Amino acid sequence: MAFVDIGFGNLISSTRLVCVAGAESAPIRRLVQDARDRGALVDCSSGKKSKAVLVTDSGHIVLSALAPEEIEALLAEGTANG
């Protein structure tokens, strides 16, 4: 199982990720609010502005202070390394 660093020492399983999106659009903000209301939001931004929203296969929403492009690069690097 490969893990990806999503900032501030937080790791997430790359096999459980469904989507990595920017946090600025209205539909994504609604998705985050819905997850907060149902108790499925995990904030890994350590108080910083959330730049990326990660959706898992279990329906949990994870907030990260890293940009989606940075997470994409880390995922690609992890895939290349095995």
C-alpha atoms as a PDB file:
ATOM      1  CA  MET A   1       0.000   0.000   0.000  1.00  0.00           C
ATOM      2  CA  ALA A   2       1.490   3.347  -1.063  1.00  0.00           C
ATOM      3  CA  PHE A   3       1.041   6.469   1.025  1.00  0.00           C
ATOM      4  CA  VAL A   4       1.259  10.076  -0.129  1.00  0.00           C
ATOM      5  CA  ASP A   5       2.366  12.966   2.086  1.00  0.00           C
ATOM      6  CA  ILE A   6      -0.393  15.600   1.983  1.00  0.00           C
ATOM      7  CA  GLY A   7       1.438  18.101   4.157  1.00  0.00           C
ATOM      8  CA  PHE A   8       2.458  18.616   7.777  1.00  0.00           C
ATOM      9  CA  GLY A   9       3.386  14.947   8.203  1.00  0.00           C
ATOM     10  CA  ASN A  10      -0.062  13.670   7.227  1.00  0.00           C
ATOM     11  CA  LEU A  11      -0.267  10.664   4.928  1.00  0.00           C
ATOM     12  CA  ILE A  12      -3.103   9.218   2.882  1.00  0.00           C
ATOM     13  CA  SER A  13      -3.343   5.906   1.058  1.00  0.00           C
ATOM     14  CA  SER A  14      -3.054   6.515  -2.676  1.00  0.00           C
ATOM     15  CA  THR A  15      -5.152   3.424  -3.386  1.00  0.00           C
ATOM     16  CA  ARG A  16      -8.126   4.935  -1.517  1.00  0.00           C
ATOM     17  CA  LEU A  17      -8.135   8.263  -3.409  1.00  0.00           C
ATOM     18  CA  VAL A  18     -10.923   8.864  -5.897  1.00  0.00           C
ATOM     19  CA  CYS A  19     -10.384  12.549  -6.668  1.00  0.00           C
ATOM     20  CA  VAL A  20      -8.043  15.460  -5.941  1.00  0.00           C
ATOM     21  CA  ALA A  21      -9.652  18.852  -6.597  1.00  0.00           C
ATOM     22  CA  GLY A  22      -9.005  22.507  -5.927  1.00  0.00           C
ATOM     23  CA  ALA A  23     -10.855  23.935  -2.943  1.00  0.00           C
ATOM     24  CA  GLU A  24     -12.115  27.148  -4.544  1.00  0.00           C
ATOM     25  CA  SER A  25     -15.134  26.144  -6.644  1.00  0.00           C
ATOM     26  CA  ALA A  26     -18.650  26.360  -5.248  1.00  0.00           C
ATOM     27  CA  PRO A  27     -19.509  22.668  -5.850  1.00  0.00           C
ATOM     28  CA  ILE A  28     -16.387  21.559  -3.975  1.00  0.00           C
ATOM     29  CA  ARG A  29     -17.166  23.949  -1.100  1.00  0.00           C
ATOM     30  CA  ARG A  30     -20.674  22.422  -0.905  1.00  0.00           C
ATOM     31  CA  LEU A  31     -19.119  18.941  -0.885  1.00  0.00           C
ATOM     32  CA  VAL A  32     -16.880  19.994   2.025  1.00  0.00           C
ATOM     33  CA  GLN A  33     -19.821  21.487   3.945  1.00  0.00           C
ATOM     34  CA  ASP A  34     -21.912  18.340   3.410  1.00  0.00           C
ATOM     35  CA  ALA A  35     -19.029  16.191   4.693  1.00  0.00           C
ATOM     36  CA  ARG A  36     -18.644  18.481   7.717  1.00  0.00           C
ATOM     37  CA  ASP A  37     -22.376  18.137   8.478  1.00  0.00           C
ATOM     38  CA  ARG A  38     -22.280  14.327   8.318  1.00  0.00           C
ATOM     39  CA  GLY A  39     -18.996  14.016  10.241  1.00  0.00           C
ATOM     40  CA  ALA A  40     -16.917  12.734   7.331  1.00  0.00           C
ATOM     41  CA  LEU A  41     -14.484  15.658   7.032  1.00  0.00           C
ATOM     42  CA  VAL A  42     -10.799  15.256   7.907  1.00  0.00           C
ATOM     43  CA  ASP A  43      -8.893  18.557   8.043  1.00  0.00           C
ATOM     44  CA  CYS A  44      -5.165  17.965   7.515  1.00  0.00           C
ATOM     45  CA  SER A  45      -4.341  21.591   6.738  1.00  0.00           C
ATOM     46  CA  SER A  46      -3.043  22.411  10.250  1.00  0.00           C
ATOM     47  CA  GLY A  47      -4.928  25.693  10.312  1.00  0.00           C
ATOM     48  CA  LYS A  48      -3.612  26.847   6.940  1.00  0.00           C
ATOM     49  CA  LYS A  49      -5.822  27.684   3.976  1.00  0.00           C
ATOM     50  CA  SER A  50      -7.059  24.498   2.295  1.00  0.00           C
ATOM     51  CA  LYS A  51      -5.907  24.386  -1.316  1.00  0.00           C
ATOM     52  CA  ALA A  52      -6.827  20.796  -2.178  1.00  0.00           C
ATOM     53  CA  VAL A  53      -9.790  18.586  -1.399  1.00  0.00           C
ATOM     54  CA  LEU A  54      -9.250  14.840  -1.558  1.00  0.00           C
ATOM     55  CA  VAL A  55     -12.190  12.462  -1.914  1.00  0.00           C
ATOM     56  CA  THR A  56     -11.760   8.877  -0.734  1.00  0.00           C
ATOM     57  CA  ASP A  57     -13.590   5.731  -1.771  1.00  0.00           C
ATOM     58  CA  SER A  58     -15.186   5.586   1.691  1.00  0.00           C
ATOM     59  CA  GLY A  59     -16.859   8.968   1.156  1.00  0.00           C
ATOM     60  CA  HIS A  60     -14.552  10.881   3.477  1.00  0.00           C
ATOM     61  CA  ILE A  61     -13.348  14.314   2.428  1.00  0.00           C
ATOM     62  CA  VAL A  62      -9.776  15.284   3.338  1.00  0.00           C
ATOM     63  CA  LEU A  63      -8.526  18.884   3.277  1.00  0.00           C
ATOM     64  CA  SER A  64      -4.885  19.629   2.504  1.00  0.00           C
ATOM     65  CA  ALA A  65      -2.842  22.840   2.467  1.00  0.00           C
ATOM     66  CA  LEU A  66      -0.858  21.537  -0.524  1.00  0.00           C
ATOM     67  CA  ALA A  67      -1.975  22.563  -4.007  1.00  0.00           C
ATOM     68  CA  PRO A  68      -3.642  19.872  -6.135  1.00  0.00           C
ATOM     69  CA  GLU A  69      -0.717  20.067  -8.575  1.00  0.00           C
ATOM     70  CA  GLU A  70       1.734  19.224  -5.780  1.00  0.00           C
ATOM     71  CA  ILE A  71      -0.346  16.225  -4.713  1.00  0.00           C
ATOM     72  CA  GLU A  72      -0.606  15.121  -8.349  1.00  0.00           C
ATOM     73  CA  ALA A  73       3.193  15.241  -8.646  1.00  0.00           C
ATOM     74  CA  LEU A  74       3.586  13.219  -5.445  1.00  0.00           C
ATOM     75  CA  LEU A  75       1.090  10.633  -6.712  1.00  0.00           C
ATOM     76  CA  ALA A  76       2.919  10.376 -10.045  1.00  0.00           C
ATOM     77  CA  GLU A  77       6.253  10.039  -8.245  1.00  0.00           C
ATOM     78  CA  GLY A  78       4.854   7.276  -6.034  1.00  0.00           C
ATOM     79  CA  THR A  79       3.471   5.450  -9.068  1.00  0.00           C
ATOM     80  CA  ALA A  80       6.806   5.662 -10.854  1.00  0.00           C
ATOM     81  CA  ASN A  81       8.654   4.350  -7.789  1.00  0.00           C
ATOM     82  CA  GLY A  82       6.324   1.415  -7.376  1.00  0.00           C
END
